[in-house]
Amino acid sequence: MSKTILAVDDSGSLRQMVVFSLKSVGYQVVEAADGQEALDLARKQIFDLILTDQNMPKIDGLTLIRSLRAMPQYRKVPILMLTTESSDEMKSRGRAAGANGWMVKPFDPKRLIEVVKKVLG
């Protein structure tokens, strides 16, 4: 059974790149356009990994991560930030919120696949 990943980003073109990259190696990918949509989906389905942007309407990435980590079913699910934010302070805030890793956009699809495979085992 393939792993299911939730890709959260307000950029439709970026989500398309993520979906194409991950589906090409056999992952199932569900898309959310913002943090609120992601939370709604996460309440209905358990994902094996979540990739989220930081700067989004309604709910930003750090708030999304904190909300997910408060849910028992998401305490141990890997969450990766995929964002333009690259400051040490923001990365530190991400770790404090519960992010397991950080990738900066624009991203290399091959590197994204490597990281996802490593995180999912």
Protein backbone atom coordinates (compact mmCIF):
# COMPACT_ATOMS: atom_id res chain seq x y z
CA MET A 1 0.00 0.00 0.00
CA SER A 2 1.45 3.36 -0.96
CA LYS A 3 1.91 6.20 1.49
CA THR A 4 -0.43 9.18 1.36
CA ILE A 5 0.97 12.71 1.57
CA LEU A 6 -0.90 15.95 2.17
CA ALA A 7 0.60 18.84 0.16
CA VAL A 8 -0.43 22.25 1.51
CA ASP A 9 0.37 25.41 -0.44
CA ASP A 10 -1.65 28.38 -1.69
CA SER A 11 0.21 28.25 -5.02
CA GLY A 12 -1.57 25.91 -7.40
CA SER A 13 1.46 25.61 -9.67
CA LEU A 14 3.71 24.65 -6.77
CA ARG A 15 1.21 22.02 -5.60
CA GLN A 16 1.17 20.64 -9.16
CA MET A 17 4.98 20.29 -9.11
CA VAL A 18 4.89 18.55 -5.73
CA VAL A 19 2.06 16.23 -6.80
CA PHE A 20 3.75 15.34 -10.10
CA SER A 21 7.10 14.70 -8.40
CA LEU A 22 5.71 12.50 -5.63
CA LYS A 23 3.18 10.61 -7.75
CA SER A 24 5.97 9.76 -10.21
CA VAL A 25 7.53 7.55 -7.52
CA GLY A 26 4.28 5.98 -6.31
CA TYR A 27 2.99 8.18 -3.51
CA GLN A 28 -0.65 9.17 -3.23
CA VAL A 29 -0.95 12.96 -2.84
CA VAL A 30 -3.88 15.01 -1.58
CA GLU A 31 -3.81 18.79 -2.07
CA ALA A 32 -4.92 21.62 0.19
CA ALA A 33 -4.83 25.31 -0.81
CA ASP A 34 -4.43 26.66 2.73
CA GLY A 35 -4.02 25.62 6.35
CA GLN A 36 -7.75 25.55 7.07
CA GLU A 37 -8.43 23.18 4.19
CA ALA A 38 -5.51 21.04 5.36
CA LEU A 39 -6.92 20.82 8.89
CA ASP A 40 -10.35 19.89 7.56
CA LEU A 41 -8.78 17.09 5.45
CA ALA A 42 -6.60 15.89 8.35
CA ARG A 43 -9.69 15.46 10.52
CA LYS A 44 -11.21 13.12 7.90
CA GLN A 45 -8.15 11.11 6.87
CA ILE A 46 -4.80 10.13 8.37
CA PHE A 47 -1.83 11.11 6.23
CA ASP A 48 1.60 9.47 6.38
CA LEU A 49 3.39 12.80 5.81
CA ILE A 50 2.44 16.45 5.54
CA LEU A 51 4.29 19.01 3.42
CA THR A 52 3.28 22.58 4.17
CA ASP A 53 4.11 26.09 3.12
CA GLN A 54 4.40 28.80 5.77
CA ASN A 55 2.80 31.88 4.20
CA MET A 56 -0.81 31.04 3.35
CA PRO A 57 -4.23 32.64 3.82
CA LYS A 58 -6.55 31.65 6.69
CA ILE A 59 -4.03 29.53 8.66
CA ASP A 60 -0.27 29.76 8.18
CA GLY A 61 2.09 26.80 8.27
CA LEU A 62 3.28 27.14 11.88
CA THR A 63 -0.28 27.44 13.16
CA LEU A 64 -1.24 24.41 11.06
CA ILE A 65 1.62 22.38 12.52
CA ARG A 66 0.71 23.32 16.09
CA SER A 67 -2.93 22.42 15.40
CA LEU A 68 -1.96 19.05 13.92
CA ARG A 69 0.42 18.24 16.77
CA ALA A 70 -2.44 18.86 19.22
CA MET A 71 -4.36 16.00 17.55
CA PRO A 72 -3.37 12.56 18.95
CA GLN A 73 -3.30 10.97 15.49
CA TYR A 74 -0.74 13.54 14.26
CA ARG A 75 1.70 13.62 17.18
CA LYS A 76 4.19 11.38 15.37
CA VAL A 77 3.35 11.97 11.70
CA PRO A 78 6.29 13.65 9.91
CA ILE A 79 5.66 17.25 8.89
CA LEU A 80 8.01 19.06 6.52
CA MET A 81 8.00 22.77 5.75
CA LEU A 82 8.40 23.63 2.06
CA THR A 83 8.62 27.40 2.02
CA THR A 84 10.49 30.48 0.82
CA GLU A 85 11.25 31.28 4.48
CA SER A 86 14.87 30.41 5.20
CA SER A 87 15.94 32.40 8.26
CA ASP A 88 17.37 30.55 11.25
CA GLU A 89 14.74 32.19 13.44
CA MET A 90 11.90 30.85 11.27
CA LYS A 91 13.46 27.37 11.18
CA SER A 92 13.74 27.47 14.97
CA ARG A 93 10.07 28.48 15.24
CA GLY A 94 9.22 25.60 12.87
CA ARG A 95 11.05 23.07 15.04
CA ALA A 96 9.37 24.46 18.16
CA ALA A 97 5.97 24.08 16.48
CA GLY A 98 6.75 20.45 15.63
CA ALA A 99 8.18 20.46 12.09
CA ASN A 100 10.52 17.54 11.37
CA GLY A 101 12.33 19.19 8.47
CA TRP A 102 12.64 22.23 6.26
CA MET A 103 13.09 22.69 2.52
CA VAL A 104 13.41 26.05 0.82
CA LYS A 105 11.53 26.94 -2.39
CA PRO A 106 12.21 26.81 -5.20
CA PHE A 107 12.94 23.12 -4.65
CA ASP A 108 14.68 20.43 -6.65
CA PRO A 109 12.12 17.66 -7.32
CA LYS A 110 14.80 14.95 -6.98
CA ARG A 111 15.82 16.34 -3.59
CA LEU A 112 12.19 16.49 -2.48
CA ILE A 113 11.75 12.81 -3.38
CA GLU A 114 14.98 11.91 -1.52
CA VAL A 115 13.86 13.73 1.62
CA VAL A 116 10.36 12.25 1.53
CA LYS A 117 11.72 8.71 1.05
CA LYS A 118 14.14 9.22 3.93
CA VAL A 119 11.46 10.58 6.26
CA LEU A 120 8.94 7.86 5.39
CA GLY A 121 11.55 5.10 5.62
